[in-house]
Amino acid sequence: MWRLIVLAVLLIIIYFLVRNAVRGFFQKSRDVGRVGSGGAPSELVQDPVCGMFVSKEGAYFFRNADRTHFFCGESCRDIYEKKVSSA
């Protein structure tokens, strides 16, 4: 009897795991292309340190005189800031 109960619980757990995985897979495929707020795509800019393309929205930035530079992460921004201040 205990074996049936344990088997039933395991089957229920497996069912929910598979269902959530399938939902997550299809949800991701629908969200492609929706970057930025309001469904409008955000502008991509290239990080001057590592060359990675990042969305302006939510990116790290550094204002230098009249230009604003965008970075993929805080470490790239710090490297660029040190390079500019030493020059």
PDB file of N, CA and C in Angstrom:
ATOM      1  N   MET A   1       0.824  -1.197   0.000  1.00  0.00           N
ATOM      2  CA  MET A   1       0.000   0.000   0.000  1.00  0.00           C
ATOM      3  C   MET A   1       0.866   1.259   0.000  1.00  0.00           C
ATOM      4  N   TRP A   2       1.918   1.262   0.809  1.00  0.00           N
ATOM      5  CA  TRP A   2       2.792   2.433   0.875  1.00  0.00           C
ATOM      6  C   TRP A   2       3.479   2.683  -0.459  1.00  0.00           C
ATOM      7  N   ARG A   3       3.777   1.610  -1.149  1.00  0.00           N
ATOM      8  CA  ARG A   3       4.427   1.750  -2.451  1.00  0.00           C
ATOM      9  C   ARG A   3       3.527   2.501  -3.435  1.00  0.00           C
ATOM     10  N   LEU A   4       2.241   2.227  -3.405  1.00  0.00           N
ATOM     11  CA  LEU A   4       1.300   2.918  -4.286  1.00  0.00           C
ATOM     12  C   LEU A   4       1.209   4.402  -3.938  1.00  0.00           C
ATOM     13  N   ILE A   5       1.211   4.716  -2.676  1.00  0.00           N
ATOM     14  CA  ILE A   5       1.126   6.118  -2.246  1.00  0.00           C
ATOM     15  C   ILE A   5       2.387   6.870  -2.666  1.00  0.00           C
ATOM     16  N   VAL A   6       3.547   6.276  -2.443  1.00  0.00           N
ATOM     17  CA  VAL A   6       4.811   6.912  -2.833  1.00  0.00           C
ATOM     18  C   VAL A   6       4.866   7.070  -4.350  1.00  0.00           C
ATOM     19  N   LEU A   7       4.440   6.059  -5.090  1.00  0.00           N
ATOM     20  CA  LEU A   7       4.430   6.128  -6.544  1.00  0.00           C
ATOM     21  C   LEU A   7       3.485   7.232  -7.025  1.00  0.00           C
ATOM     22  N   ALA A   8       2.323   7.351  -6.417  1.00  0.00           N
ATOM     23  CA  ALA A   8       1.362   8.391  -6.800  1.00  0.00           C
ATOM     24  C   ALA A   8       1.940   9.781  -6.542  1.00  0.00           C
ATOM     25  N   VAL A   9       2.579   9.972  -5.401  1.00  0.00           N
ATOM     26  CA  VAL A   9       3.181  11.267  -5.079  1.00  0.00           C
ATOM     27  C   VAL A   9       4.289  11.595  -6.071  1.00  0.00           C
ATOM     28  N   LEU A  10       5.130  10.629  -6.390  1.00  0.00           N
ATOM     29  CA  LEU A  10       6.205  10.850  -7.364  1.00  0.00           C
ATOM     30  C   LEU A  10       5.647  11.198  -8.742  1.00  0.00           C
ATOM     31  N   LEU A  11       4.589  10.525  -9.158  1.00  0.00           N
ATOM     32  CA  LEU A  11       3.979  10.822 -10.448  1.00  0.00           C
ATOM     33  C   LEU A  11       3.386  12.229 -10.473  1.00  0.00           C
ATOM     34  N   ILE A  12       2.786  12.643  -9.393  1.00  0.00           N
ATOM     35  CA  ILE A  12       2.231  14.005  -9.320  1.00  0.00           C
ATOM     36  C   ILE A  12       3.350  15.032  -9.395  1.00  0.00           C
ATOM     37  N   ILE A  13       4.434  14.804  -8.699  1.00  0.00           N
ATOM     38  CA  ILE A  13       5.577  15.734  -8.729  1.00  0.00           C
ATOM     39  C   ILE A  13       6.156  15.807 -10.139  1.00  0.00           C
ATOM     40  N   ILE A  14       6.327  14.667 -10.779  1.00  0.00           N
ATOM     41  CA  ILE A  14       6.857  14.633 -12.148  1.00  0.00           C
ATOM     42  C   ILE A  14       5.919  15.364 -13.097  1.00  0.00           C
ATOM     43  N   TYR A  15       4.613  15.170 -12.926  1.00  0.00           N
ATOM     44  CA  TYR A  15       3.634  15.845 -13.769  1.00  0.00           C
ATOM     45  C   TYR A  15       3.779  17.364 -13.668  1.00  0.00           C
ATOM     46  N   PHE A  16       3.861  17.898 -12.457  1.00  0.00           N
ATOM     47  CA  PHE A  16       3.977  19.348 -12.283  1.00  0.00           C
ATOM     48  C   PHE A  16       5.311  19.874 -12.814  1.00  0.00           C
ATOM     49  N   LEU A  17       6.390  19.129 -12.641  1.00  0.00           N
ATOM     50  CA  LEU A  17       7.681  19.563 -13.171  1.00  0.00           C
ATOM     51  C   LEU A  17       7.661  19.639 -14.696  1.00  0.00           C
ATOM     52  N   VAL A  18       7.112  18.627 -15.328  1.00  0.00           N
ATOM     53  CA  VAL A  18       7.039  18.609 -16.791  1.00  0.00           C
ATOM     54  C   VAL A  18       6.111  19.718 -17.280  1.00  0.00           C
ATOM     55  N   ARG A  19       4.989  19.903 -16.629  1.00  0.00           N
ATOM     56  CA  ARG A  19       4.040  20.944 -17.035  1.00  0.00           C
ATOM     57  C   ARG A  19       4.670  22.328 -16.944  1.00  0.00           C
ATOM     58  N   ASN A  20       5.382  22.614 -15.863  1.00  0.00           N
ATOM     59  CA  ASN A  20       6.035  23.917 -15.715  1.00  0.00           C
ATOM     60  C   ASN A  20       7.150  24.101 -16.731  1.00  0.00           C
ATOM     61  N   ALA A  21       7.873  23.043 -17.037  1.00  0.00           N
ATOM     62  CA  ALA A  21       8.945  23.140 -18.031  1.00  0.00           C
ATOM     63  C   ALA A  21       8.370  23.442 -19.411  1.00  0.00           C
ATOM     64  N   VAL A  22       7.289  22.796 -19.762  1.00  0.00           N
ATOM     65  CA  VAL A  22       6.664  23.024 -21.063  1.00  0.00           C
ATOM     66  C   VAL A  22       6.087  24.441 -21.130  1.00  0.00           C
ATOM     67  N   ARG A  23       5.444  24.892 -20.080  1.00  0.00           N
ATOM     68  CA  ARG A  23       4.915  26.265 -20.051  1.00  0.00           C
ATOM     69  C   ARG A  23       6.039  27.281 -20.187  1.00  0.00           C
ATOM     70  N   GLY A  24       7.130  27.073 -19.480  1.00  0.00           N
ATOM     71  CA  GLY A  24       8.266  27.982 -19.557  1.00  0.00           C
ATOM     72  C   GLY A  24       8.863  28.029 -20.947  1.00  0.00           C
ATOM     73  N   PHE A  25       8.922  26.889 -21.612  1.00  0.00           N
ATOM     74  CA  PHE A  25       9.469  26.830 -22.965  1.00  0.00           C
ATOM     75  C   PHE A  25       8.617  27.651 -23.927  1.00  0.00           C
ATOM     76  N   PHE A  26       7.314  27.488 -23.875  1.00  0.00           N
ATOM     77  CA  PHE A  26       6.444  28.218 -24.792  1.00  0.00           C
ATOM     78  C   PHE A  26       6.329  29.689 -24.419  1.00  0.00           C
ATOM     79  N   GLN A  27       6.413  30.020 -23.162  1.00  0.00           N
ATOM     80  CA  GLN A  27       6.365  31.415 -22.726  1.00  0.00           C
ATOM     81  C   GLN A  27       7.575  32.170 -23.263  1.00  0.00           C
ATOM     82  N   LYS A  28       8.763  31.565 -23.205  1.00  0.00           N
ATOM     83  CA  LYS A  28       9.971  32.216 -23.699  1.00  0.00           C
ATOM     84  C   LYS A  28       9.871  32.474 -25.192  1.00  0.00           C
ATOM     85  N   SER A  29       9.288  31.548 -25.931  1.00  0.00           N
ATOM     86  CA  SER A  29       9.213  31.729 -27.379  1.00  0.00           C
ATOM     87  C   SER A  29       8.282  32.873 -27.733  1.00  0.00           C
ATOM     88  N   ARG A  30       7.307  33.188 -26.888  1.00  0.00           N
ATOM     89  CA  ARG A  30       6.407  34.307 -27.159  1.00  0.00           C
ATOM     90  C   ARG A  30       7.022  35.638 -26.786  1.00  0.00           C
ATOM     91  N   ASP A  31       7.979  35.665 -25.868  1.00  0.00           N
ATOM     92  CA  ASP A  31       8.550  36.910 -25.397  1.00  0.00           C
ATOM     93  C   ASP A  31       9.704  37.416 -26.251  1.00  0.00           C
ATOM     94  N   VAL A  32      10.104  36.702 -27.260  1.00  0.00           N
ATOM     95  CA  VAL A  32      11.229  37.110 -28.092  1.00  0.00           C
ATOM     96  C   VAL A  32      10.878  38.400 -28.808  1.00  0.00           C
ATOM     97  N   GLY A  33      11.802  39.356 -28.776  1.00  0.00           N
ATOM     98  CA  GLY A  33      11.595  40.619 -29.465  1.00  0.00           C
ATOM     99  C   GLY A  33      11.007  41.704 -28.590  1.00  0.00           C
ATOM    100  N   ARG A  34      10.513  41.361 -27.431  1.00  0.00           N
ATOM    101  CA  ARG A  34       9.951  42.370 -26.544  1.00  0.00           C
ATOM    102  C   ARG A  34      11.014  42.816 -25.568  1.00  0.00           C
ATOM    103  N   VAL A  35      11.773  43.821 -25.948  1.00  0.00           N
ATOM    104  CA  VAL A  35      12.814  44.369 -25.099  1.00  0.00           C
ATOM    105  C   VAL A  35      12.436  45.795 -24.796  1.00  0.00           C
ATOM    106  N   GLY A  36      12.598  46.221 -23.568  1.00  0.00           N
ATOM    107  CA  GLY A  36      12.284  47.595 -23.215  1.00  0.00           C
ATOM    108  C   GLY A  36      10.878  47.704 -22.670  1.00  0.00           C
ATOM    109  N   SER A  37      10.499  48.911 -22.320  1.00  0.00           N
ATOM    110  CA  SER A  37       9.192  49.117 -21.722  1.00  0.00           C
ATOM    111  C   SER A  37       8.157  49.420 -22.796  1.00  0.00           C
ATOM    112  N   GLY A  38       6.948  49.045 -22.541  1.00  0.00           N
ATOM    113  CA  GLY A  38       5.862  49.331 -23.444  1.00  0.00           C
ATOM    114  C   GLY A  38       5.894  48.527 -24.738  1.00  0.00           C
ATOM    115  N   GLY A  39       6.668  47.478 -24.799  1.00  0.00           N
ATOM    116  CA  GLY A  39       6.740  46.648 -25.980  1.00  0.00           C
ATOM    117  C   GLY A  39       7.631  47.205 -27.076  1.00  0.00           C
ATOM    118  N   ALA A  40       8.147  48.423 -26.895  1.00  0.00           N
ATOM    119  CA  ALA A  40       9.027  49.012 -27.903  1.00  0.00           C
ATOM    120  C   ALA A  40      10.440  48.495 -27.700  1.00  0.00           C
ATOM    121  N   PRO A  41      11.106  48.106 -28.777  1.00  0.00           N
ATOM    122  CA  PRO A  41      12.481  47.618 -28.625  1.00  0.00           C
ATOM    123  C   PRO A  41      13.418  48.729 -28.171  1.00  0.00           C
ATOM    124  N   SER A  42      14.341  48.372 -27.310  1.00  0.00           N
ATOM    125  CA  SER A  42      15.311  49.331 -26.795  1.00  0.00           C
ATOM    126  C   SER A  42      16.510  49.374 -27.737  1.00  0.00           C
ATOM    127  N   GLU A  43      17.159  50.521 -27.804  1.00  0.00           N
ATOM    128  CA  GLU A  43      18.319  50.684 -28.677  1.00  0.00           C
ATOM    129  C   GLU A  43      19.508  49.909 -28.110  1.00  0.00           C
ATOM    130  N   LEU A  44      20.221  49.199 -28.974  1.00  0.00           N
ATOM    131  CA  LEU A  44      21.413  48.476 -28.561  1.00  0.00           C
ATOM    132  C   LEU A  44      22.642  49.326 -28.842  1.00  0.00           C
ATOM    133  N   VAL A  45      23.565  49.319 -27.894  1.00  0.00           N
ATOM    134  CA  VAL A  45      24.824  50.043 -28.036  1.00  0.00           C
ATOM    135  C   VAL A  45      25.962  49.089 -27.703  1.00  0.00           C
ATOM    136  N   GLN A  46      27.147  49.389 -28.226  1.00  0.00           N
ATOM    137  CA  GLN A  46      28.295  48.507 -28.002  1.00  0.00           C
ATOM    138  C   GLN A  46      29.124  49.008 -26.833  1.00  0.00           C
ATOM    139  N   ASP A  47      29.449  48.101 -25.934  1.00  0.00           N
ATOM    140  CA  ASP A  47      30.317  48.400 -24.803  1.00  0.00           C
ATOM    141  C   ASP A  47      31.713  48.690 -25.336  1.00  0.00           C
ATOM    142  N   PRO A  48      32.300  49.870 -25.032  1.00  0.00           N
ATOM    143  CA  PRO A  48      33.608  50.200 -25.576  1.00  0.00           C
ATOM    144  C   PRO A  48      34.753  49.378 -24.985  1.00  0.00           C
ATOM    145  N   VAL A  49      34.539  48.697 -23.871  1.00  0.00           N
ATOM    146  CA  VAL A  49      35.606  47.918 -23.239  1.00  0.00           C
ATOM    147  C   VAL A  49      35.640  46.493 -23.789  1.00  0.00           C
ATOM    148  N   CYS A  50      34.534  45.778 -23.683  1.00  0.00           N
ATOM    149  CA  CYS A  50      34.525  44.367 -24.079  1.00  0.00           C
ATOM    150  C   CYS A  50      33.903  44.123 -25.444  1.00  0.00           C
ATOM    151  N   GLY A  51      33.216  45.111 -26.005  1.00  0.00           N
ATOM    152  CA  GLY A  51      32.619  44.963 -27.326  1.00  0.00           C
ATOM    153  C   GLY A  51      31.252  44.316 -27.346  1.00  0.00           C
ATOM    154  N   MET A  52      30.708  44.012 -26.184  1.00  0.00           N
ATOM    155  CA  MET A  52      29.398  43.366 -26.103  1.00  0.00           C
ATOM    156  C   MET A  52      28.298  44.383 -26.404  1.00  0.00           C
ATOM    157  N   PHE A  53      27.236  43.952 -27.084  1.00  0.00           N
ATOM    158  CA  PHE A  53      26.102  44.829 -27.343  1.00  0.00           C
ATOM    159  C   PHE A  53      25.119  44.712 -26.180  1.00  0.00           C
ATOM    160  N   VAL A  54      24.697  45.859 -25.663  1.00  0.00           N
ATOM    161  CA  VAL A  54      23.777  45.894 -24.535  1.00  0.00           C
ATOM    162  C   VAL A  54      22.638  46.855 -24.841  1.00  0.00           C
ATOM    163  N   SER A  55      21.526  46.641 -24.203  1.00  0.00           N
ATOM    164  CA  SER A  55      20.383  47.532 -24.329  1.00  0.00           C
ATOM    165  C   SER A  55      20.650  48.780 -23.494  1.00  0.00           C
ATOM    166  N   LYS A  56      20.316  49.936 -24.035  1.00  0.00           N
ATOM    167  CA  LYS A  56      20.518  51.180 -23.279  1.00  0.00           C
ATOM    168  C   LYS A  56      19.717  51.163 -21.985  1.00  0.00           C
ATOM    169  N   GLU A  57      18.561  50.558 -22.056  1.00  0.00           N
ATOM    170  CA  GLU A  57      17.681  50.512 -20.898  1.00  0.00           C
ATOM    171  C   GLU A  57      18.254  49.569 -19.842  1.00  0.00           C
ATOM    172  N   GLY A  58      18.579  50.078 -18.700  1.00  0.00           N
ATOM    173  CA  GLY A  58      19.106  49.265 -17.613  1.00  0.00           C
ATOM    174  C   GLY A  58      20.608  49.041 -17.664  1.00  0.00           C
ATOM    175  N   ALA A  59      21.303  49.639 -18.645  1.00  0.00           N
ATOM    176  CA  ALA A  59      22.747  49.448 -18.755  1.00  0.00           C
ATOM    177  C   ALA A  59      23.488  50.418 -17.829  1.00  0.00           C
ATOM    178  N   TYR A  60      24.714  50.071 -17.492  1.00  0.00           N
ATOM    179  CA  TYR A  60      25.564  50.982 -16.736  1.00  0.00           C
ATOM    180  C   TYR A  60      26.056  52.050 -17.700  1.00  0.00           C
ATOM    181  N   PHE A  61      26.259  53.265 -17.203  1.00  0.00           N
ATOM    182  CA  PHE A  61      26.708  54.324 -18.093  1.00  0.00           C
ATOM    183  C   PHE A  61      27.733  55.211 -17.405  1.00  0.00           C
ATOM    184  N   PHE A  62      28.455  55.955 -18.232  1.00  0.00           N
ATOM    185  CA  PHE A  62      29.465  56.899 -17.761  1.00  0.00           C
ATOM    186  C   PHE A  62      29.389  58.122 -18.659  1.00  0.00           C
ATOM    187  N   ARG A  63      29.164  59.295 -18.064  1.00  0.00           N
ATOM    188  CA  ARG A  63      29.087  60.533 -18.832  1.00  0.00           C
ATOM    189  C   ARG A  63      30.453  61.198 -18.815  1.00  0.00           C
ATOM    190  N   ASN A  64      30.955  61.473 -20.005  1.00  0.00           N
ATOM    191  CA  ASN A  64      32.260  62.101 -20.155  1.00  0.00           C
ATOM    192  C   ASN A  64      32.082  63.310 -21.064  1.00  0.00           C
ATOM    193  N   ALA A  65      32.215  64.493 -20.518  1.00  0.00           N
ATOM    194  CA  ALA A  65      32.035  65.743 -21.260  1.00  0.00           C
ATOM    195  C   ALA A  65      30.649  65.746 -21.900  1.00  0.00           C
ATOM    196  N   ASP A  66      30.583  65.647 -23.224  1.00  0.00           N
ATOM    197  CA  ASP A  66      29.287  65.713 -23.906  1.00  0.00           C
ATOM    198  C   ASP A  66      28.786  64.344 -24.371  1.00  0.00           C
ATOM    199  N   ARG A  67      29.510  63.257 -24.082  1.00  0.00           N
ATOM    200  CA  ARG A  67      29.115  61.911 -24.521  1.00  0.00           C
ATOM    201  C   ARG A  67      28.737  61.030 -23.343  1.00  0.00           C
ATOM    202  N   THR A  68      27.832  60.128 -23.598  1.00  0.00           N
ATOM    203  CA  THR A  68      27.454  59.113 -22.618  1.00  0.00           C
ATOM    204  C   THR A  68      27.833  57.758 -23.182  1.00  0.00           C
ATOM    205  N   HIS A  69      28.595  56.988 -22.422  1.00  0.00           N
ATOM    206  CA  HIS A  69      29.025  55.656 -22.822  1.00  0.00           C
ATOM    207  C   HIS A  69      28.258  54.634 -21.998  1.00  0.00           C
ATOM    208  N   PHE A  70      27.806  53.554 -22.653  1.00  0.00           N
ATOM    209  CA  PHE A  70      27.035  52.511 -21.985  1.00  0.00           C
ATOM    210  C   PHE A  70      27.866  51.239 -21.890  1.00  0.00           C
ATOM    211  N   PHE A  71      27.666  50.498 -20.777  1.00  0.00           N
ATOM    212  CA  PHE A  71      28.495  49.327 -20.494  1.00  0.00           C
ATOM    213  C   PHE A  71      27.617  48.145 -20.072  1.00  0.00           C
ATOM    214  N   CYS A  72      28.152  46.939 -20.294  1.00  0.00           N
ATOM    215  CA  CYS A  72      27.419  45.721 -19.949  1.00  0.00           C
ATOM    216  C   CYS A  72      27.398  45.492 -18.440  1.00  0.00           C
ATOM    217  N   GLY A  73      28.421  45.957 -17.753  1.00  0.00           N
ATOM    218  CA  GLY A  73      28.490  45.731 -16.316  1.00  0.00           C
ATOM    219  C   GLY A  73      29.308  46.799 -15.610  1.00  0.00           C
ATOM    220  N   GLU A  74      29.267  46.720 -14.317  1.00  0.00           N
ATOM    221  CA  GLU A  74      29.969  47.699 -13.492  1.00  0.00           C
ATOM    222  C   GLU A  74      31.484  47.604 -13.663  1.00  0.00           C
ATOM    223  N   SER A  75      31.991  46.382 -13.867  1.00  0.00           N
ATOM    224  CA  SER A  75      33.440  46.216 -14.005  1.00  0.00           C
ATOM    225  C   SER A  75      33.953  46.884 -15.280  1.00  0.00           C
ATOM    226  N   CYS A  76      33.226  46.753 -16.395  1.00  0.00           N
ATOM    227  CA  CYS A  76      33.642  47.416 -17.640  1.00  0.00           C
ATOM    228  C   CYS A  76      33.591  48.930 -17.480  1.00  0.00           C
ATOM    229  N   ARG A  77      32.564  49.420 -16.801  1.00  0.00           N
ATOM    230  CA  ARG A  77      32.469  50.862 -16.574  1.00  0.00           C
ATOM    231  C   ARG A  77      33.647  51.359 -15.750  1.00  0.00           C
ATOM    232  N   ASP A  78      34.019  50.611 -14.712  1.00  0.00           N
ATOM    233  CA  ASP A  78      35.145  51.016 -13.861  1.00  0.00           C
ATOM    234  C   ASP A  78      36.462  50.998 -14.633  1.00  0.00           C
ATOM    235  N   ILE A  79      36.653  50.009 -15.488  1.00  0.00           N
ATOM    236  CA  ILE A  79      37.873  49.939 -16.305  1.00  0.00           C
ATOM    237  C   ILE A  79      37.953  51.157 -17.219  1.00  0.00           C
ATOM    238  N   TYR A  80      36.829  51.490 -17.863  1.00  0.00           N
ATOM    239  CA  TYR A  80      36.811  52.637 -18.773  1.00  0.00           C
ATOM    240  C   TYR A  80      37.055  53.940 -18.010  1.00  0.00           C
ATOM    241  N   GLU A  81      36.434  54.069 -16.844  1.00  0.00           N
ATOM    242  CA  GLU A  81      36.593  55.275 -16.049  1.00  0.00           C
ATOM    243  C   GLU A  81      38.062  55.460 -15.622  1.00  0.00           C
ATOM    244  N   LYS A  82      38.724  54.368 -15.235  1.00  0.00           N
ATOM    245  CA  LYS A  82      40.142  54.443 -14.861  1.00  0.00           C
ATOM    246  C   LYS A  82      41.011  54.831 -16.061  1.00  0.00           C
ATOM    247  N   LYS A  83      40.667  54.272 -17.237  1.00  0.00           N
ATOM    248  CA  LYS A  83      41.413  54.564 -18.456  1.00  0.00           C
ATOM    249  C   LYS A  83      41.271  56.056 -18.829  1.00  0.00           C
ATOM    250  N   VAL A  84      40.074  56.596 -18.710  1.00  0.00           N
ATOM    251  CA  VAL A  84      39.833  57.996 -19.049  1.00  0.00           C
ATOM    252  C   VAL A  84      40.502  58.923 -18.051  1.00  0.00           C
ATOM    253  N   SER A  85      40.440  58.577 -16.778  1.00  0.00           N
ATOM    254  CA  SER A  85      41.026  59.462 -15.751  1.00  0.00           C
ATOM    255  C   SER A  85      42.546  59.450 -15.787  1.00  0.00           C
ATOM    256  N   SER A  86      43.163  58.364 -16.250  1.00  0.00           N
ATOM    257  CA  SER A  86      44.618  58.309 -16.318  1.00  0.00           C
ATOM    258  C   SER A  86      45.164  58.976 -17.592  1.00  0.00           C
ATOM    259  N   ALA A  87      44.320  59.166 -18.574  1.00  0.00           N
ATOM    260  CA  ALA A  87      44.772  59.774 -19.855  1.00  0.00           C
ATOM    261  C   ALA A  87      44.809  61.279 -19.797  1.00  0.00           C
TER     262      ALA A  87
END
